[in-house]
Structure formats: C-alpha cells, structure tokens
Amino acid sequence: MNNLDFPKAIILDMDGVLIDSEPLWKKAMMAEFAKHGMMLTENDCRATTGQRINEVAAYWINQFKIKTISVSQLVTAIEQHLMTLIVSHGSAFEGCVDLLNYAKSKDIGLGLATSSSQAIMHCVLNHLKLNSYFKVACSAEQCKKAKPDPEVYHNAIKGLQFKPYECWAIEDSLNGLKAAIAAGMQVVYMPEQKHTIDISGLQIAAVCENFKAILHQLKSL
C-alpha cells in the first residue's frame, strides 16, 4: 500500500509516534486510578488511546461511580505523574530525528497534532529537544472536540499554510487516523509495535512500521 505524493508538510501525532510514551501513560494512569479504587488493566488503558485525558478520567470515574476525586483533580495527578516519567524515562522513537532532519533539509514544513495537553506537549518537546523542528505544535486541549474530530489537524494545517492534501499525517491510533482522514490529509499509519488495529475501510495512503520505512518512502518520491 503506497498512495503517497511528495508532501509540502508532515504533521505528526505525539504519543506513540514521536515519543514512546504509551507505556508511561499506562503506568501513570493505572497508578493514579488505583489510588481511588479504579483498578484498570492495560487493555482498559489501550481502549482510550487517542482521547483527551479529561475524557478518559471522566469516563472511568463514571464507570466506577467514584465520588472521592473530581475529573480535574485526577487529570492533574495523572499529568504530574506522567511528566515525571517523561523526564526520567521518555525517549523518541528510533529514526524520528533522521526523518525530521531530512524533512527540514527539503524545506518540508513540520507540525505536531496531539490529544495531550499543552503542558504534556511542551514537556515532551523540551525533554527531547525537538522544539526547533516544528513550525506549529497544536494540542487538542485548545479544541472544542478531540480526535477523531479533525479540529486539531485543521489547526496545524492552517498554521503551516498548506492545503490538507499537501500534508502527510503520521498516526498510530484509530482515533488519530480517523481525524487525519477527516481532515483530508495523506495518512501514514505507523502501527504500535505490540498492538495493531483494524484499518480495513479506512483511506490510508501508506502503512510504515517505523520511521526508517517512512523516510524510505519519502526519499523514493
């Protein structure tokens, strides 16, 4: 599968694409939820991948009928825990910087579109020292709706000043893929290493297992 045209811009998802943060999210969520009697499994955490953390917290508080903590308090606790883990254990996926450097050398615009909060987004970019690569970095915290709604991608595309079809989106989650497709972009699916999703029926331009494969596709165009 390869229906890609050379892009004028590449917009990346953050969690699970730019940084290997999914295990850190799971650890932070499971620990903070457990403090209030919500014993989540890794599968429970995976089921909400791509959603904003306030939506995830509200969902599980409702499911467990928890009265001891508010959504905003739980979100703050999870994010503080997560940022500590990012700084101590967070790392970019192999090949990520190679792709960013190549894109920059070819004057391809770079953007970020994440469901994470601005605080988490800035924590990741600062920790990985990647701020200088991105012309725009958009958080769904600034949007009325999160992925699979395309608003966060619309914001990134607008900031880069290109047409949606001129931009690649690199995504790993079902909600993210749906958002990028709805935005009218060329969508590259980079599957999570341990868990893939069913993409049948989705308008995916290419499936690339890692950044090395994405860079190979880009150089071949």
N, C-alpha and C. Protein backbone atom coordinates (compact mmCIF):
# COMPACT_ATOMS: atom_id res chain seq x y z
N MET A 1 0.84 -1.19 0.00
CA MET A 1 0.00 0.00 0.00
C MET A 1 0.88 1.24 0.00
N ASN A 2 0.81 2.05 -1.06
CA ASN A 2 1.56 3.30 -1.11
C ASN A 2 0.91 4.23 -2.12
N ASN A 3 0.11 5.16 -1.62
CA ASN A 3 -0.55 6.15 -2.46
C ASN A 3 -0.12 7.55 -2.06
N LEU A 4 1.15 7.68 -1.71
CA LEU A 4 1.66 8.95 -1.22
C LEU A 4 2.22 9.82 -2.34
N ASP A 5 1.96 11.12 -2.23
CA ASP A 5 2.62 12.12 -3.06
C ASP A 5 3.60 12.88 -2.17
N PHE A 6 4.62 13.47 -2.79
CA PHE A 6 5.61 14.21 -2.01
C PHE A 6 4.91 15.33 -1.24
N PRO A 7 5.16 15.43 0.06
CA PRO A 7 4.43 16.40 0.89
C PRO A 7 5.09 17.77 0.95
N LYS A 8 4.27 18.78 1.15
CA LYS A 8 4.80 20.10 1.47
C LYS A 8 4.94 20.25 2.99
N ALA A 9 4.24 19.38 3.71
CA ALA A 9 4.34 19.38 5.17
C ALA A 9 4.06 17.99 5.71
N ILE A 10 4.63 17.71 6.87
CA ILE A 10 4.36 16.47 7.60
C ILE A 10 3.92 16.85 9.01
N ILE A 11 2.76 16.33 9.41
CA ILE A 11 2.25 16.59 10.75
C ILE A 11 2.21 15.28 11.52
N LEU A 12 2.88 15.26 12.64
CA LEU A 12 3.00 14.04 13.43
C LEU A 12 2.09 14.08 14.65
N ASP A 13 1.52 12.94 14.97
CA ASP A 13 0.94 12.73 16.29
C ASP A 13 2.11 12.66 17.26
N MET A 14 1.85 12.79 18.55
CA MET A 14 2.95 12.79 19.51
C MET A 14 3.06 11.45 20.26
N ASP A 15 2.06 11.13 21.07
CA ASP A 15 2.13 9.92 21.89
C ASP A 15 2.03 8.67 21.02
N GLY A 16 3.06 7.82 21.11
CA GLY A 16 3.08 6.60 20.32
C GLY A 16 3.65 6.78 18.93
N VAL A 17 3.97 8.02 18.56
CA VAL A 17 4.58 8.30 17.25
C VAL A 17 5.90 9.02 17.45
N LEU A 18 5.84 10.22 18.00
CA LEU A 18 7.07 10.98 18.24
C LEU A 18 7.85 10.40 19.42
N ILE A 19 7.13 10.07 20.47
CA ILE A 19 7.76 9.56 21.70
C ILE A 19 7.09 8.26 22.12
N ASP A 20 7.88 7.37 22.65
CA ASP A 20 7.36 6.08 23.13
C ASP A 20 6.76 6.30 24.52
N SER A 21 5.62 6.99 24.54
CA SER A 21 5.02 7.39 25.82
C SER A 21 3.84 6.54 26.25
N GLU A 22 3.35 5.67 25.37
CA GLU A 22 2.18 4.88 25.74
C GLU A 22 2.41 4.06 27.02
N PRO A 23 3.57 3.40 27.19
CA PRO A 23 3.80 2.67 28.46
C PRO A 23 3.82 3.61 29.67
N LEU A 24 4.29 4.84 29.46
CA LEU A 24 4.35 5.81 30.55
C LEU A 24 2.95 6.29 30.91
N TRP A 25 2.12 6.52 29.89
CA TRP A 25 0.73 6.89 30.13
C TRP A 25 0.02 5.80 30.93
N LYS A 26 0.21 4.56 30.51
CA LYS A 26 -0.45 3.45 31.20
C LYS A 26 -0.01 3.37 32.66
N LYS A 27 1.28 3.53 32.88
CA LYS A 27 1.81 3.45 34.25
C LYS A 27 1.23 4.56 35.12
N ALA A 28 1.22 5.79 34.58
CA ALA A 28 0.71 6.93 35.34
C ALA A 28 -0.79 6.79 35.61
N MET A 29 -1.54 6.39 34.59
CA MET A 29 -2.99 6.25 34.76
C MET A 29 -3.34 5.15 35.74
N MET A 30 -2.73 3.98 35.55
CA MET A 30 -3.06 2.85 36.42
C MET A 30 -2.73 3.16 37.88
N ALA A 31 -1.62 3.85 38.10
CA ALA A 31 -1.22 4.19 39.47
C ALA A 31 -2.17 5.19 40.11
N GLU A 32 -2.52 6.24 39.37
CA GLU A 32 -3.38 7.28 39.93
C GLU A 32 -4.83 6.82 40.06
N PHE A 33 -5.32 6.05 39.09
CA PHE A 33 -6.67 5.49 39.21
C PHE A 33 -6.77 4.54 40.40
N ALA A 34 -5.73 3.73 40.59
CA ALA A 34 -5.74 2.74 41.68
C ALA A 34 -5.84 3.39 43.05
N LYS A 35 -5.30 4.60 43.19
CA LYS A 35 -5.37 5.31 44.47
C LYS A 35 -6.81 5.58 44.89
N HIS A 36 -7.71 5.53 43.92
CA HIS A 36 -9.12 5.82 44.20
C HIS A 36 -10.02 4.63 43.89
N GLY A 37 -9.42 3.43 43.91
CA GLY A 37 -10.20 2.21 43.79
C GLY A 37 -10.56 1.80 42.38
N MET A 38 -9.95 2.46 41.39
CA MET A 38 -10.23 2.11 39.99
C MET A 38 -9.07 1.27 39.47
N MET A 39 -9.26 -0.03 39.45
CA MET A 39 -8.19 -0.95 39.07
C MET A 39 -8.28 -1.24 37.57
N LEU A 40 -7.52 -0.50 36.80
CA LEU A 40 -7.55 -0.64 35.35
C LEU A 40 -6.49 -1.62 34.87
N THR A 41 -6.80 -2.29 33.77
CA THR A 41 -5.83 -3.16 33.11
C THR A 41 -5.18 -2.40 31.96
N GLU A 42 -4.14 -2.98 31.38
CA GLU A 42 -3.51 -2.35 30.22
C GLU A 42 -4.48 -2.28 29.05
N ASN A 43 -5.34 -3.28 28.92
CA ASN A 43 -6.35 -3.26 27.86
C ASN A 43 -7.35 -2.12 28.07
N ASP A 44 -7.69 -1.85 29.32
CA ASP A 44 -8.57 -0.72 29.62
C ASP A 44 -7.93 0.59 29.16
N CYS A 45 -6.66 0.74 29.45
CA CYS A 45 -5.93 1.95 29.05
C CYS A 45 -5.84 2.05 27.54
N ARG A 46 -5.60 0.93 26.90
CA ARG A 46 -5.45 0.92 25.44
C ARG A 46 -6.75 1.32 24.74
N ALA A 47 -7.87 0.98 25.35
CA ALA A 47 -9.17 1.26 24.75
C ALA A 47 -9.45 2.75 24.60
N THR A 48 -8.75 3.57 25.38
CA THR A 48 -8.99 5.02 25.32
C THR A 48 -7.82 5.76 24.67
N THR A 49 -6.93 5.03 24.00
CA THR A 49 -5.80 5.66 23.33
C THR A 49 -6.29 6.67 22.30
N GLY A 50 -5.68 7.86 22.31
CA GLY A 50 -6.04 8.90 21.35
C GLY A 50 -7.06 9.89 21.87
N GLN A 51 -7.66 9.60 23.04
CA GLN A 51 -8.63 10.52 23.63
C GLN A 51 -7.92 11.49 24.56
N ARG A 52 -8.55 12.63 24.80
CA ARG A 52 -8.01 13.58 25.76
C ARG A 52 -8.12 13.00 27.17
N ILE A 53 -7.15 13.33 28.01
CA ILE A 53 -7.09 12.73 29.33
C ILE A 53 -8.30 13.11 30.18
N ASN A 54 -8.87 14.30 29.98
CA ASN A 54 -10.06 14.66 30.75
C ASN A 54 -11.25 13.78 30.38
N GLU A 55 -11.32 13.37 29.10
CA GLU A 55 -12.38 12.46 28.66
C GLU A 55 -12.18 11.07 29.27
N VAL A 56 -10.92 10.64 29.30
CA VAL A 56 -10.60 9.33 29.88
C VAL A 56 -10.94 9.31 31.37
N ALA A 57 -10.51 10.36 32.08
CA ALA A 57 -10.77 10.43 33.52
C ALA A 57 -12.27 10.46 33.81
N ALA A 58 -13.00 11.25 33.04
CA ALA A 58 -14.45 11.35 33.24
C ALA A 58 -15.14 10.01 32.98
N TYR A 59 -14.67 9.31 31.96
CA TYR A 59 -15.26 8.02 31.61
C TYR A 59 -15.11 7.02 32.75
N TRP A 60 -13.89 6.90 33.28
CA TRP A 60 -13.66 5.88 34.31
C TRP A 60 -14.25 6.27 35.66
N ILE A 61 -14.25 7.55 35.97
CA ILE A 61 -14.91 8.00 37.20
C ILE A 61 -16.40 7.65 37.15
N ASN A 62 -16.99 7.82 35.98
CA ASN A 62 -18.41 7.48 35.80
C ASN A 62 -18.63 5.97 35.87
N GLN A 63 -17.72 5.21 35.22
CA GLN A 63 -17.87 3.75 35.21
C GLN A 63 -17.77 3.16 36.62
N PHE A 64 -16.84 3.70 37.41
CA PHE A 64 -16.63 3.18 38.77
C PHE A 64 -17.47 3.91 39.82
N LYS A 65 -18.18 4.97 39.36
CA LYS A 65 -19.03 5.76 40.27
C LYS A 65 -18.22 6.30 41.46
N ILE A 66 -17.09 6.91 41.13
CA ILE A 66 -16.18 7.44 42.15
C ILE A 66 -16.62 8.84 42.58
N LYS A 67 -16.64 9.07 43.89
CA LYS A 67 -17.05 10.36 44.44
C LYS A 67 -15.91 11.06 45.20
N THR A 68 -14.77 10.39 45.33
CA THR A 68 -13.69 10.91 46.19
C THR A 68 -12.76 11.88 45.49
N ILE A 69 -12.88 12.02 44.16
CA ILE A 69 -11.99 12.92 43.43
C ILE A 69 -12.72 13.42 42.19
N SER A 70 -12.44 14.67 41.82
CA SER A 70 -13.06 15.25 40.63
C SER A 70 -12.24 14.91 39.39
N VAL A 71 -12.84 15.11 38.24
CA VAL A 71 -12.13 14.87 36.98
C VAL A 71 -10.89 15.74 36.89
N SER A 72 -11.03 17.02 37.20
CA SER A 72 -9.88 17.94 37.09
C SER A 72 -8.76 17.56 38.05
N GLN A 73 -9.11 17.12 39.26
CA GLN A 73 -8.09 16.71 40.23
C GLN A 73 -7.36 15.46 39.75
N LEU A 74 -8.11 14.52 39.19
CA LEU A 74 -7.49 13.29 38.70
C LEU A 74 -6.60 13.57 37.49
N VAL A 75 -7.06 14.44 36.60
CA VAL A 75 -6.25 14.80 35.43
C VAL A 75 -4.94 15.43 35.87
N THR A 76 -5.00 16.34 36.83
CA THR A 76 -3.78 16.99 37.32
C THR A 76 -2.81 15.96 37.90
N ALA A 77 -3.32 15.02 38.68
CA ALA A 77 -2.47 14.00 39.29
C ALA A 77 -1.82 13.12 38.23
N ILE A 78 -2.60 12.70 37.23
CA ILE A 78 -2.06 11.84 36.17
C ILE A 78 -1.00 12.59 35.37
N GLU A 79 -1.28 13.84 35.01
CA GLU A 79 -0.33 14.60 34.20
C GLU A 79 0.97 14.88 34.95
N GLN A 80 0.88 15.18 36.23
CA GLN A 80 2.10 15.41 37.01
C GLN A 80 2.92 14.13 37.11
N HIS A 81 2.25 13.01 37.33
CA HIS A 81 2.93 11.71 37.37
C HIS A 81 3.58 11.42 36.03
N LEU A 82 2.83 11.66 34.95
CA LEU A 82 3.34 11.38 33.61
C LEU A 82 4.56 12.23 33.28
N MET A 83 4.51 13.52 33.59
CA MET A 83 5.64 14.39 33.25
C MET A 83 6.91 13.98 33.99
N THR A 84 6.74 13.49 35.20
CA THR A 84 7.90 12.96 35.94
C THR A 84 8.49 11.76 35.21
N LEU A 85 7.62 10.88 34.70
CA LEU A 85 8.07 9.70 33.96
C LEU A 85 8.72 10.08 32.63
N ILE A 86 8.16 11.08 31.95
CA ILE A 86 8.72 11.52 30.67
C ILE A 86 10.14 12.02 30.86
N VAL A 87 10.34 12.85 31.87
CA VAL A 87 11.67 13.42 32.11
C VAL A 87 12.67 12.34 32.51
N SER A 88 12.22 11.32 33.23
CA SER A 88 13.14 10.28 33.70
C SER A 88 13.30 9.12 32.72
N HIS A 89 12.27 8.84 31.91
CA HIS A 89 12.32 7.65 31.06
C HIS A 89 11.93 7.88 29.60
N GLY A 90 11.45 9.06 29.25
CA GLY A 90 10.93 9.29 27.90
C GLY A 90 12.02 9.32 26.84
N SER A 91 11.75 8.70 25.70
CA SER A 91 12.70 8.71 24.59
C SER A 91 11.95 8.74 23.26
N ALA A 92 12.56 9.39 22.28
CA ALA A 92 11.96 9.44 20.95
C ALA A 92 12.13 8.08 20.27
N PHE A 93 11.21 7.76 19.38
CA PHE A 93 11.34 6.52 18.63
C PHE A 93 12.56 6.59 17.70
N GLU A 94 13.22 5.46 17.53
CA GLU A 94 14.39 5.39 16.67
C GLU A 94 14.03 5.85 15.26
N GLY A 95 14.87 6.69 14.70
CA GLY A 95 14.67 7.17 13.35
C GLY A 95 13.86 8.45 13.25
N CYS A 96 13.26 8.87 14.35
CA CYS A 96 12.44 10.07 14.35
C CYS A 96 13.24 11.31 13.94
N VAL A 97 14.37 11.51 14.58
CA VAL A 97 15.19 12.69 14.30
C VAL A 97 15.74 12.65 12.88
N ASP A 98 16.04 11.46 12.37
CA ASP A 98 16.51 11.34 10.98
C ASP A 98 15.44 11.85 10.02
N LEU A 99 14.19 11.48 10.26
CA LEU A 99 13.10 11.95 9.40
C LEU A 99 12.94 13.46 9.51
N LEU A 100 12.98 13.98 10.72
CA LEU A 100 12.82 15.42 10.92
C LEU A 100 13.95 16.20 10.24
N ASN A 101 15.17 15.70 10.35
CA ASN A 101 16.31 16.36 9.71
C ASN A 101 16.18 16.34 8.19
N TYR A 102 15.76 15.21 7.64
CA TYR A 102 15.61 15.11 6.19
C TYR A 102 14.50 16.05 5.71
N ALA A 103 13.39 16.05 6.42
CA ALA A 103 12.28 16.94 6.04
C ALA A 103 12.73 18.40 6.07
N LYS A 104 13.48 18.74 7.09
CA LYS A 104 13.96 20.12 7.21
C LYS A 104 14.90 20.47 6.06
N SER A 105 15.73 19.52 5.65
CA SER A 105 16.68 19.76 4.55
C SER A 105 15.97 19.95 3.22
N LYS A 106 14.75 19.44 3.11
CA LYS A 106 13.96 19.55 1.88
C LYS A 106 12.89 20.63 1.98
N ASP A 107 12.99 21.46 3.01
CA ASP A 107 12.02 22.54 3.23
C ASP A 107 10.59 22.04 3.37
N ILE A 108 10.44 20.87 3.93
CA ILE A 108 9.11 20.33 4.23
C ILE A 108 8.70 20.86 5.60
N GLY A 109 7.54 21.50 5.66
CA GLY A 109 7.06 22.03 6.93
C GLY A 109 6.75 20.93 7.92
N LEU A 110 6.98 21.19 9.18
CA LEU A 110 6.74 20.17 10.22
C LEU A 110 5.78 20.70 11.27
N GLY A 111 4.82 19.85 11.62
CA GLY A 111 3.86 20.21 12.64
C GLY A 111 3.57 19.05 13.57
N LEU A 112 2.97 19.37 14.70
CA LEU A 112 2.60 18.37 15.70
C LEU A 112 1.12 18.55 16.01
N ALA A 113 0.39 17.45 16.10
CA ALA A 113 -1.04 17.50 16.43
C ALA A 113 -1.33 16.40 17.44
N THR A 114 -1.52 16.79 18.69
CA THR A 114 -1.63 15.81 19.77
C THR A 114 -2.92 15.96 20.57
N SER A 115 -3.39 14.85 21.09
CA SER A 115 -4.54 14.86 22.00
C SER A 115 -4.12 15.24 23.42
N SER A 116 -2.83 15.23 23.69
CA SER A 116 -2.33 15.57 25.02
C SER A 116 -2.46 17.07 25.28
N SER A 117 -2.39 17.43 26.55
CA SER A 117 -2.49 18.84 26.94
C SER A 117 -1.26 19.61 26.50
N GLN A 118 -1.38 20.92 26.55
CA GLN A 118 -0.23 21.76 26.20
C GLN A 118 0.94 21.52 27.16
N ALA A 119 0.64 21.29 28.42
CA ALA A 119 1.70 21.05 29.40
C ALA A 119 2.49 19.79 29.05
N ILE A 120 1.78 18.71 28.70
CA ILE A 120 2.45 17.47 28.31
C ILE A 120 3.21 17.67 27.01
N MET A 121 2.60 18.34 26.05
CA MET A 121 3.24 18.58 24.76
C MET A 121 4.55 19.33 24.93
N HIS A 122 4.53 20.39 25.72
CA HIS A 122 5.75 21.17 25.92
C HIS A 122 6.79 20.39 26.72
N CYS A 123 6.34 19.57 27.66
CA CYS A 123 7.25 18.72 28.42
C CYS A 123 8.00 17.77 27.49
N VAL A 124 7.27 17.14 26.57
CA VAL A 124 7.88 16.20 25.63
C VAL A 124 8.86 16.91 24.71
N LEU A 125 8.44 18.02 24.11
CA LEU A 125 9.30 18.72 23.16
C LEU A 125 10.56 19.26 23.83
N ASN A 126 10.41 19.76 25.05
CA ASN A 126 11.58 20.26 25.77
C ASN A 126 12.52 19.13 26.16
N HIS A 127 11.95 18.02 26.65
CA HIS A 127 12.77 16.89 27.08
C HIS A 127 13.54 16.28 25.91
N LEU A 128 12.87 16.16 24.77
CA LEU A 128 13.51 15.55 23.59
C LEU A 128 14.33 16.56 22.78
N LYS A 129 14.24 17.84 23.18
CA LYS A 129 14.96 18.92 22.48
C LYS A 129 14.56 18.98 20.99
N LEU A 130 13.26 18.97 20.74
CA LEU A 130 12.75 18.96 19.37
C LEU A 130 11.97 20.22 19.01
N ASN A 131 11.91 21.19 19.91
CA ASN A 131 11.12 22.39 19.65
C ASN A 131 11.46 23.07 18.34
N SER A 132 12.75 23.13 18.02
CA SER A 132 13.19 23.90 16.85
C SER A 132 12.73 23.31 15.53
N TYR A 133 12.32 22.05 15.52
CA TYR A 133 11.90 21.41 14.27
C TYR A 133 10.50 21.82 13.84
N PHE A 134 9.65 22.15 14.79
CA PHE A 134 8.23 22.30 14.49
C PHE A 134 7.81 23.76 14.35
N LYS A 135 7.25 24.08 13.18
CA LYS A 135 6.70 25.42 12.97
C LYS A 135 5.44 25.61 13.78
N VAL A 136 4.64 24.55 13.88
CA VAL A 136 3.41 24.60 14.69
C VAL A 136 3.33 23.36 15.57
N ALA A 137 2.81 23.53 16.76
CA ALA A 137 2.57 22.41 17.67
C ALA A 137 1.20 22.64 18.31
N CYS A 138 0.25 21.80 17.96
CA CYS A 138 -1.14 22.01 18.36
C CYS A 138 -1.61 20.92 19.32
N SER A 139 -2.26 21.35 20.38
CA SER A 139 -2.84 20.44 21.36
C SER A 139 -4.36 20.46 21.23
N ALA A 140 -4.98 19.30 21.35
CA ALA A 140 -6.44 19.22 21.32
C ALA A 140 -7.07 19.88 22.54
N GLU A 141 -6.24 20.23 23.52
CA GLU A 141 -6.75 20.97 24.68
C GLU A 141 -7.33 22.31 24.23
N GLN A 142 -6.82 22.83 23.11
CA GLN A 142 -7.27 24.10 22.57
C GLN A 142 -8.47 23.94 21.64
N CYS A 143 -8.95 22.72 21.47
CA CYS A 143 -10.03 22.43 20.52
C CYS A 143 -11.35 22.16 21.26
N LYS A 144 -12.45 22.39 20.55
CA LYS A 144 -13.76 22.07 21.11
C LYS A 144 -13.94 20.56 21.22
N LYS A 145 -13.40 19.84 20.23
CA LYS A 145 -13.50 18.39 20.22
C LYS A 145 -12.13 17.77 19.98
N ALA A 146 -11.91 16.59 20.54
CA ALA A 146 -10.64 15.88 20.36
C ALA A 146 -10.75 14.91 19.19
N LYS A 147 -9.65 14.29 18.84
CA LYS A 147 -9.67 13.23 17.84
C LYS A 147 -10.68 12.16 18.29
N PRO A 148 -11.51 11.62 17.40
CA PRO A 148 -11.40 11.59 15.94
C PRO A 148 -11.90 12.81 15.20
N ASP A 149 -12.35 13.84 15.92
CA ASP A 149 -12.67 15.09 15.24
C ASP A 149 -11.38 15.67 14.64
N PRO A 150 -11.44 16.24 13.44
CA PRO A 150 -10.22 16.71 12.77
C PRO A 150 -9.73 18.09 13.20
N GLU A 151 -10.36 18.72 14.19
CA GLU A 151 -10.05 20.11 14.51
C GLU A 151 -8.57 20.35 14.80
N VAL A 152 -7.93 19.48 15.55
CA VAL A 152 -6.52 19.71 15.89
C VAL A 152 -5.65 19.65 14.64
N TYR A 153 -6.02 18.80 13.67
CA TYR A 153 -5.30 18.76 12.40
C TYR A 153 -5.59 20.00 11.56
N HIS A 154 -6.84 20.45 11.57
CA HIS A 154 -7.17 21.68 10.86
C HIS A 154 -6.33 22.84 11.38
N ASN A 155 -6.16 22.91 12.70
CA ASN A 155 -5.36 23.98 13.30
C ASN A 155 -3.90 23.91 12.86
N ALA A 156 -3.35 22.70 12.84
CA ALA A 156 -1.96 22.53 12.43
C ALA A 156 -1.77 22.87 10.95
N ILE A 157 -2.69 22.41 10.11
CA ILE A 157 -2.61 22.69 8.68
C ILE A 157 -2.70 24.20 8.42
N LYS A 158 -3.62 24.85 9.12
CA LYS A 158 -3.77 26.30 8.98
C LYS A 158 -2.49 27.02 9.38
N GLY A 159 -1.87 26.57 10.46
CA GLY A 159 -0.63 27.18 10.91
C GLY A 159 0.52 27.02 9.93
N LEU A 160 0.53 25.90 9.22
CA LEU A 160 1.57 25.63 8.23
C LEU A 160 1.27 26.28 6.89
N GLN A 161 0.02 26.69 6.70
CA GLN A 161 -0.42 27.41 5.49
C GLN A 161 -0.31 26.57 4.22
N PHE A 162 -0.75 25.32 4.34
CA PHE A 162 -0.83 24.45 3.17
C PHE A 162 -2.24 23.89 3.07
N LYS A 163 -2.51 23.21 1.95
CA LYS A 163 -3.78 22.52 1.77
C LYS A 163 -3.69 21.16 2.47
N PRO A 164 -4.80 20.64 2.97
CA PRO A 164 -4.76 19.33 3.65
C PRO A 164 -4.13 18.23 2.82
N TYR A 165 -4.46 18.17 1.52
CA TYR A 165 -3.95 17.09 0.68
C TYR A 165 -2.46 17.22 0.39
N GLU A 166 -1.88 18.37 0.73
CA GLU A 166 -0.44 18.56 0.55
C GLU A 166 0.35 18.09 1.77
N CYS A 167 -0.36 17.65 2.79
CA CYS A 167 0.27 17.28 4.06
C CYS A 167 0.14 15.79 4.37
N TRP A 168 1.22 15.22 4.89
CA TRP A 168 1.16 13.88 5.45
C TRP A 168 0.77 13.98 6.93
N ALA A 169 0.04 13.00 7.40
CA ALA A 169 -0.19 12.83 8.83
C ALA A 169 0.37 11.47 9.23
N ILE A 170 1.12 11.42 10.30
CA ILE A 170 1.66 10.15 10.80
C ILE A 170 0.95 9.83 12.11
N GLU A 171 0.24 8.71 12.12
CA GLU A 171 -0.62 8.35 13.25
C GLU A 171 -0.47 6.88 13.62
N ASP A 172 -0.80 6.58 14.89
CA ASP A 172 -0.75 5.19 15.35
C ASP A 172 -2.07 4.71 15.94
N SER A 173 -3.00 5.60 16.23
CA SER A 173 -4.25 5.21 16.89
C SER A 173 -5.43 5.33 15.93
N LEU A 174 -6.48 4.59 16.23
CA LEU A 174 -7.67 4.63 15.38
C LEU A 174 -8.31 6.02 15.38
N ASN A 175 -8.41 6.63 16.55
CA ASN A 175 -8.98 7.98 16.62
C ASN A 175 -8.14 8.97 15.83
N GLY A 176 -6.82 8.83 15.92
CA GLY A 176 -5.94 9.72 15.18
C GLY A 176 -6.05 9.54 13.68
N LEU A 177 -6.11 8.29 13.24
CA LEU A 177 -6.26 8.00 11.81
C LEU A 177 -7.56 8.60 11.28
N LYS A 178 -8.64 8.42 12.03
CA LYS A 178 -9.93 8.96 11.60
C LYS A 178 -9.90 10.48 11.53
N ALA A 179 -9.21 11.11 12.47
CA ALA A 179 -9.11 12.57 12.48
C ALA A 179 -8.35 13.08 11.26
N ALA A 180 -7.23 12.44 10.96
CA ALA A 180 -6.40 12.86 9.83
C ALA A 180 -7.12 12.62 8.50
N ILE A 181 -7.83 11.51 8.40
CA ILE A 181 -8.60 11.22 7.19
C ILE A 181 -9.71 12.26 7.01
N ALA A 182 -10.40 12.58 8.10
CA ALA A 182 -11.48 13.57 8.05
C ALA A 182 -10.95 14.95 7.68
N ALA A 183 -9.69 15.21 8.01
CA ALA A 183 -9.07 16.49 7.67
C ALA A 183 -8.66 16.56 6.20
N GLY A 184 -8.70 15.42 5.50
CA GLY A 184 -8.37 15.40 4.08
C GLY A 184 -6.90 15.26 3.77
N MET A 185 -6.14 14.64 4.67
CA MET A 185 -4.69 14.53 4.53
C MET A 185 -4.28 13.21 3.90
N GLN A 186 -3.00 13.12 3.53
CA GLN A 186 -2.39 11.85 3.15
C GLN A 186 -1.96 11.17 4.45
N VAL A 187 -2.57 10.04 4.76
CA VAL A 187 -2.40 9.45 6.09
C VAL A 187 -1.46 8.25 6.07
N VAL A 188 -0.45 8.32 6.92
CA VAL A 188 0.51 7.23 7.10
C VAL A 188 0.24 6.58 8.45
N TYR A 189 -0.03 5.30 8.42
CA TYR A 189 -0.27 4.54 9.64
C TYR A 189 1.02 3.88 10.09
N MET A 190 1.49 4.25 11.29
CA MET A 190 2.68 3.63 11.88
C MET A 190 2.21 2.82 13.09
N PRO A 191 2.00 1.52 12.92
CA PRO A 191 1.39 0.70 13.97
C PRO A 191 2.22 0.66 15.25
N GLU A 192 1.51 0.63 16.38
CA GLU A 192 2.18 0.35 17.64
C GLU A 192 2.80 -1.04 17.53
N GLN A 193 4.01 -1.20 18.03
CA GLN A 193 4.76 -2.43 17.82
C GLN A 193 4.05 -3.67 18.36
N LYS A 194 3.42 -3.56 19.51
CA LYS A 194 2.82 -4.73 20.16
C LYS A 194 1.35 -4.92 19.79
N HIS A 195 0.69 -3.85 19.36
CA HIS A 195 -0.75 -3.94 19.13
C HIS A 195 -1.14 -3.16 17.88
N THR A 196 -1.64 -3.86 16.88
CA THR A 196 -2.11 -3.21 15.67
C THR A 196 -3.63 -3.06 15.74
N ILE A 197 -4.17 -2.23 14.86
CA ILE A 197 -5.61 -2.01 14.83
C ILE A 197 -6.14 -2.35 13.44
N ASP A 198 -7.42 -2.58 13.36
CA ASP A 198 -8.06 -2.91 12.09
C ASP A 198 -8.29 -1.63 11.29
N ILE A 199 -7.60 -1.50 10.17
CA ILE A 199 -7.72 -0.29 9.35
C ILE A 199 -8.51 -0.55 8.07
N SER A 200 -9.15 -1.70 7.99
CA SER A 200 -9.92 -2.01 6.79
C SER A 200 -11.05 -0.98 6.64
N GLY A 201 -11.20 -0.48 5.43
CA GLY A 201 -12.23 0.52 5.17
C GLY A 201 -11.76 1.94 5.38
N LEU A 202 -10.57 2.13 5.94
CA LEU A 202 -10.04 3.47 6.14
C LEU A 202 -9.17 3.88 4.96
N GLN A 203 -9.20 5.15 4.62
CA GLN A 203 -8.44 5.67 3.48
C GLN A 203 -7.00 5.98 3.91
N ILE A 204 -6.24 4.93 4.09
CA ILE A 204 -4.84 5.05 4.49
C ILE A 204 -3.97 5.08 3.24
N ALA A 205 -3.08 6.06 3.15
CA ALA A 205 -2.21 6.16 1.98
C ALA A 205 -1.05 5.18 2.04
N ALA A 206 -0.54 4.92 3.25
CA ALA A 206 0.59 4.00 3.40
C ALA A 206 0.65 3.47 4.82
N VAL A 207 1.17 2.26 4.95
CA VAL A 207 1.45 1.67 6.26
C VAL A 207 2.95 1.48 6.37
N CYS A 208 3.55 2.11 7.37
CA CYS A 208 5.01 2.03 7.56
C CYS A 208 5.28 1.61 9.00
N GLU A 209 6.09 0.59 9.16
CA GLU A 209 6.27 0.02 10.50
C GLU A 209 7.11 0.89 11.42
N ASN A 210 7.89 1.80 10.85
CA ASN A 210 8.74 2.66 11.69
C ASN A 210 9.18 3.88 10.89
N PHE A 211 9.96 4.75 11.54
CA PHE A 211 10.41 5.97 10.87
C PHE A 211 11.38 5.68 9.73
N LYS A 212 12.15 4.62 9.85
CA LYS A 212 13.06 4.25 8.76
C LYS A 212 12.27 3.98 7.49
N ALA A 213 11.15 3.27 7.62
CA ALA A 213 10.30 2.96 6.47
C ALA A 213 9.65 4.22 5.91
N ILE A 214 9.25 5.13 6.79
CA ILE A 214 8.65 6.39 6.34
C ILE A 214 9.68 7.22 5.58
N LEU A 215 10.89 7.28 6.11
CA LEU A 215 11.96 8.03 5.43
C LEU A 215 12.27 7.42 4.07
N HIS A 216 12.26 6.11 3.99
CA HIS A 216 12.49 5.43 2.71
C HIS A 216 11.40 5.82 1.70
N GLN A 217 10.15 5.84 2.14
CA GLN A 217 9.05 6.24 1.27
C GLN A 217 9.25 7.67 0.79
N LEU A 218 9.62 8.55 1.69
CA LEU A 218 9.80 9.96 1.36
C LEU A 218 10.92 10.15 0.35
N LYS A 219 12.03 9.46 0.55
CA LYS A 219 13.17 9.59 -0.36
C LYS A 219 12.89 9.00 -1.73
N SER A 220 11.92 8.09 -1.81
CA SER A 220 11.62 7.44 -3.09
C SER A 220 10.73 8.29 -3.99
N LEU A 221 10.18 9.37 -3.46
CA LEU A 221 9.25 10.20 -4.23
C LEU A 221 9.96 11.33 -4.96
